[in-house]
Amino acid sequence: MGKATSNSTTKVQRRNSSKNKNAKVEERDPSNLLQGRTSNFLLHLDSISETVAEVTQTLAANVEAKQTSFEQVAARAEAEIARMSQRGLERKTGRKAADSINVVPGEILKAAKNLLKAITSHRDFPPTFFVGMITQYDVFFSELCKLLFRMRPEKLRVVKQTITLGDLDEYQTVEEIRSDLIDAEIDLLMRKSHLDQILWLGETFGFPIAKDDALLRRFVEVTERRNL
């Protein structure tokens, strides 16, 4: 009973969310919506791409600055050791010159840590933007499929989701049922690989998509790097 109630609640929440989100655009031409979604998606990609270039340049400059700082501290330490050695400190105290330097080793350690952090940021931070681009693509693809169903309602026969008689009491119109079934179908689709998603799109809506297409293979290869 508890599981059934939870599933019912989830469906109601999803339907209400979908109704609120689409309420203002329901009457608009789906083709215009598709054009708008596509333009918005490309704008997001351009924005992320430009930001990546700027951030990468800044991080590279930071690595160079930290490298220079480390080399300067290391040079001072080397000069200090040489100076103290020349004084014959080892012969007088019986200790190595480096052991008598209290400040310089700490400066070297700090400079080395700063350089390591700069290198790590330069290496690891830009890929987070790539993940953001893939996320934007997933959102766009999901919206694209929903809009295509609105433009080609005869394709709804491929939807394999079902609804129970008990759930029918929660709906007021056939359009609400159709919207929920489409959402459930798309949610299931988005759990598959990007290649399966694209092949499904081609098969469902009659787009000629070759599985061995070089551009498609490259796209799948790049997107799969997100999981490495």
Protein backbone atom coordinates (compact mmCIF):
# COMPACT_ATOMS: atom_id res chain seq x y z
CA MET A 1 0.00 0.00 0.00
CA GLY A 2 2.77 2.45 0.95
CA LYS A 3 4.65 1.88 -2.32
CA ALA A 4 1.50 2.35 -4.38
CA THR A 5 0.71 5.60 -2.55
CA SER A 6 4.27 6.83 -3.13
CA ASN A 7 4.11 6.06 -6.84
CA SER A 8 0.76 7.80 -7.13
CA THR A 9 2.10 10.86 -5.32
CA THR A 10 5.13 10.96 -7.60
CA LYS A 11 2.91 10.87 -10.68
CA VAL A 12 0.74 13.68 -9.36
CA GLN A 13 3.78 15.80 -8.53
CA ARG A 14 5.30 15.17 -11.94
CA ARG A 15 2.04 16.00 -13.68
CA ASN A 16 1.57 19.20 -11.69
CA SER A 17 5.15 20.23 -12.38
CA SER A 18 4.72 19.55 -16.07
CA LYS A 19 1.43 21.47 -16.17
CA ASN A 20 2.94 24.50 -14.45
CA LYS A 21 6.00 24.51 -16.66
CA ASN A 22 4.08 24.16 -19.90
CA ALA A 23 1.04 26.27 -19.03
CA LYS A 24 2.36 29.43 -20.65
CA VAL A 25 3.64 27.77 -23.80
CA GLU A 26 0.98 25.15 -24.44
CA GLU A 27 -0.80 27.26 -27.06
CA ARG A 28 2.36 28.21 -28.93
CA ASP A 29 3.37 26.55 -32.17
CA PRO A 30 5.65 23.58 -31.30
CA SER A 31 7.89 24.39 -34.26
CA ASN A 32 8.48 27.88 -32.86
CA LEU A 33 9.16 26.39 -29.45
CA LEU A 34 11.65 23.99 -31.00
CA GLN A 35 13.44 26.85 -32.71
CA GLY A 36 13.56 28.78 -29.45
CA ARG A 37 14.85 25.78 -27.46
CA THR A 38 17.52 25.14 -30.07
CA SER A 39 18.70 28.76 -30.04
CA ASN A 40 18.80 28.75 -26.25
CA PHE A 41 20.78 25.50 -26.21
CA LEU A 42 23.35 26.83 -28.67
CA LEU A 43 23.63 30.03 -26.64
CA HIS A 44 24.41 28.01 -23.52
CA LEU A 45 27.09 26.05 -25.37
CA ASP A 46 28.70 29.23 -26.72
CA SER A 47 28.68 30.79 -23.25
CA ILE A 48 30.31 27.76 -21.66
CA SER A 49 32.87 27.49 -24.47
CA GLU A 50 33.92 31.12 -24.09
CA THR A 51 34.08 30.80 -20.32
CA VAL A 52 36.27 27.71 -20.58
CA ALA A 53 38.73 29.59 -22.79
CA GLU A 54 38.92 32.51 -20.37
CA VAL A 55 39.22 30.36 -17.26
CA THR A 56 41.84 28.10 -18.84
CA GLN A 57 43.92 31.11 -19.77
CA THR A 58 43.67 32.50 -16.23
CA LEU A 59 44.60 29.16 -14.66
CA ALA A 60 47.57 28.77 -17.00
CA ALA A 61 48.81 32.22 -16.01
CA ASN A 62 48.41 31.27 -12.34
CA VAL A 63 50.53 28.14 -12.85
CA GLU A 64 53.23 30.22 -14.52
CA ALA A 65 53.23 32.73 -11.67
CA LYS A 66 53.42 30.01 -9.00
CA GLN A 67 56.19 28.27 -10.95
CA THR A 68 58.19 31.50 -11.05
CA SER A 69 57.64 32.05 -7.31
CA PHE A 70 58.79 28.51 -6.50
CA GLU A 71 61.91 28.88 -8.64
CA GLN A 72 62.77 32.17 -6.93
CA VAL A 73 62.43 30.66 -3.44
CA ALA A 74 64.45 27.61 -4.50
CA ALA A 75 67.18 29.84 -5.91
CA ARG A 76 67.35 31.83 -2.66
CA ALA A 77 67.56 28.61 -0.65
CA GLU A 78 70.35 27.31 -2.83
CA ALA A 79 72.26 30.57 -2.49
CA GLU A 80 71.77 30.59 1.30
CA ILE A 81 73.05 27.03 1.64
CA ALA A 82 76.08 27.85 -0.47
CA ARG A 83 76.81 30.99 1.58
CA MET A 84 76.60 29.19 4.90
CA SER A 85 78.68 26.33 3.59
CA GLN A 86 81.36 28.73 2.51
CA ARG A 87 81.57 30.06 6.06
CA GLY A 88 82.59 26.66 7.18
CA LEU A 89 79.45 26.18 9.27
CA GLU A 90 79.63 22.42 8.91
CA ARG A 91 83.13 22.33 10.35
CA LYS A 92 82.28 24.57 13.31
CA THR A 93 78.95 23.12 14.39
CA GLY A 94 79.10 19.60 13.01
CA ARG A 95 75.74 20.13 11.34
CA LYS A 96 74.80 20.42 7.70
CA ALA A 97 74.17 23.90 6.43
CA ALA A 98 70.59 23.12 5.43
CA ASP A 99 69.73 22.14 9.02
CA SER A 100 70.67 25.60 10.22
CA ILE A 101 68.21 27.39 7.95
CA ASN A 102 64.93 27.95 9.76
CA VAL A 103 62.95 30.14 7.36
CA VAL A 104 63.84 29.11 3.84
CA PRO A 105 62.68 25.44 4.04
CA GLY A 106 59.25 26.64 5.17
CA GLU A 107 59.09 29.05 2.27
CA ILE A 108 60.01 26.27 -0.15
CA LEU A 109 57.27 24.02 1.21
CA LYS A 110 54.68 26.79 0.92
CA ALA A 111 55.75 27.67 -2.62
CA ALA A 112 55.67 24.00 -3.63
CA LYS A 113 52.14 23.57 -2.24
CA ASN A 114 50.94 26.69 -4.04
CA LEU A 115 52.42 25.41 -7.31
CA LEU A 116 50.82 21.99 -6.84
CA LYS A 117 47.40 23.55 -6.18
CA ALA A 118 47.72 25.74 -9.28
CA ILE A 119 48.65 22.75 -11.45
CA THR A 120 45.76 20.71 -10.03
CA SER A 121 43.25 23.48 -10.71
CA HIS A 122 44.53 23.92 -14.25
CA ARG A 123 44.16 20.18 -14.86
CA ASP A 124 40.88 19.38 -13.08
CA PHE A 125 38.71 22.51 -13.22
CA PRO A 126 38.05 22.91 -16.99
CA PRO A 127 36.52 19.39 -17.34
CA THR A 128 33.72 20.48 -15.00
CA PHE A 129 32.58 22.84 -17.76
CA PHE A 130 32.49 19.89 -20.14
CA VAL A 131 30.14 18.06 -17.77
CA GLY A 132 27.99 21.20 -17.76
CA MET A 133 27.80 21.12 -21.56
CA ILE A 134 26.67 17.49 -21.53
CA THR A 135 24.03 18.37 -18.94
CA GLN A 136 22.75 21.15 -21.19
CA TYR A 137 22.60 18.69 -24.07
CA ASP A 138 20.60 16.18 -22.01
CA VAL A 139 18.07 18.85 -21.08
CA PHE A 140 17.79 19.97 -24.70
CA PHE A 141 17.40 16.41 -26.00
CA SER A 142 14.64 15.69 -23.50
CA GLU A 143 12.74 18.84 -24.49
CA LEU A 144 13.33 18.07 -28.16
CA CYS A 145 11.68 14.66 -27.87
CA LYS A 146 8.66 16.08 -26.06
CA LEU A 147 8.20 18.80 -28.66
CA LEU A 148 8.52 16.30 -31.51
CA PHE A 149 5.73 14.23 -29.96
CA ARG A 150 3.57 17.36 -29.93
CA MET A 151 4.43 18.01 -33.59
CA ARG A 152 3.97 14.36 -34.56
CA PRO A 153 1.22 13.01 -32.27
CA GLU A 154 0.79 9.92 -34.47
CA LYS A 155 4.19 8.77 -33.15
CA LEU A 156 2.74 8.32 -29.67
CA ARG A 157 2.07 4.70 -30.55
CA VAL A 158 5.72 3.95 -29.70
CA VAL A 159 5.14 4.98 -26.07
CA LYS A 160 5.21 1.79 -24.04
CA GLN A 161 4.20 3.27 -20.70
CA THR A 162 0.92 2.15 -19.16
CA ILE A 163 -1.60 3.55 -16.72
CA THR A 164 -3.91 1.75 -14.32
CA LEU A 165 -7.64 2.30 -14.00
CA GLY A 166 -7.07 3.57 -10.47
CA ASP A 167 -4.73 6.28 -11.75
CA LEU A 168 -7.31 7.51 -14.24
CA ASP A 169 -9.27 9.13 -11.40
CA GLU A 170 -6.36 11.54 -10.90
CA TYR A 171 -6.66 12.98 -14.41
CA GLN A 172 -9.14 15.48 -15.76
CA THR A 173 -8.29 15.39 -19.46
CA VAL A 174 -6.83 13.02 -22.03
CA GLU A 175 -4.09 15.59 -22.64
CA GLU A 176 -2.92 15.21 -19.03
CA ILE A 177 -2.71 11.45 -19.49
CA ARG A 178 -0.81 11.85 -22.75
CA SER A 179 1.62 14.33 -21.15
CA ASP A 180 2.35 12.02 -18.21
CA LEU A 181 2.92 9.02 -20.45
CA ILE A 182 5.31 11.00 -22.65
CA ASP A 183 7.22 12.27 -19.60
CA ALA A 184 7.58 8.73 -18.28
CA GLU A 185 8.76 7.47 -21.66
CA ILE A 186 11.33 10.24 -21.99
CA ASP A 187 12.55 9.71 -18.42
CA LEU A 188 13.19 6.08 -19.27
CA LEU A 189 14.92 7.02 -22.51
CA MET A 190 17.27 9.46 -20.77
CA ARG A 191 18.66 6.62 -18.65
CA LYS A 192 20.06 4.98 -21.77
CA SER A 193 23.33 5.79 -23.54
CA HIS A 194 23.57 8.79 -25.83
CA LEU A 195 23.95 6.47 -28.80
CA ASP A 196 20.75 4.59 -27.93
CA GLN A 197 18.94 7.89 -27.45
CA ILE A 198 19.93 9.20 -30.88
CA LEU A 199 19.12 5.91 -32.60
CA TRP A 200 15.72 5.90 -30.87
CA LEU A 201 15.12 9.44 -32.12
CA GLY A 202 15.91 8.46 -35.69
CA GLU A 203 13.82 5.33 -35.57
CA THR A 204 10.83 6.96 -33.90
CA PHE A 205 10.59 10.12 -35.97
CA GLY A 206 12.02 8.84 -39.24
CA PHE A 207 15.36 10.66 -39.22
CA PRO A 208 18.07 8.95 -41.29
CA ILE A 209 20.79 8.22 -38.73
CA ALA A 210 23.67 5.88 -39.57
CA LYS A 211 25.01 4.06 -36.53
CA ASP A 212 28.52 3.95 -38.02
CA ASP A 213 28.55 7.66 -38.92
CA ALA A 214 31.96 9.13 -38.05
CA LEU A 215 30.50 12.28 -36.49
CA LEU A 216 28.11 10.24 -34.35
CA ARG A 217 30.88 7.93 -33.18
CA ARG A 218 33.00 10.95 -32.27
CA PHE A 219 30.13 12.51 -30.33
CA VAL A 220 29.52 9.30 -28.36
CA GLU A 221 33.24 8.93 -27.64
CA VAL A 222 33.50 12.47 -26.31
CA THR A 223 30.37 12.29 -24.15
CA GLU A 224 31.42 8.99 -22.63
CA ARG A 225 34.58 10.63 -21.28
CA ARG A 226 32.37 12.25 -18.66
CA ASN A 227 32.20 8.89 -16.90
CA LEU A 228 35.96 8.31 -16.82
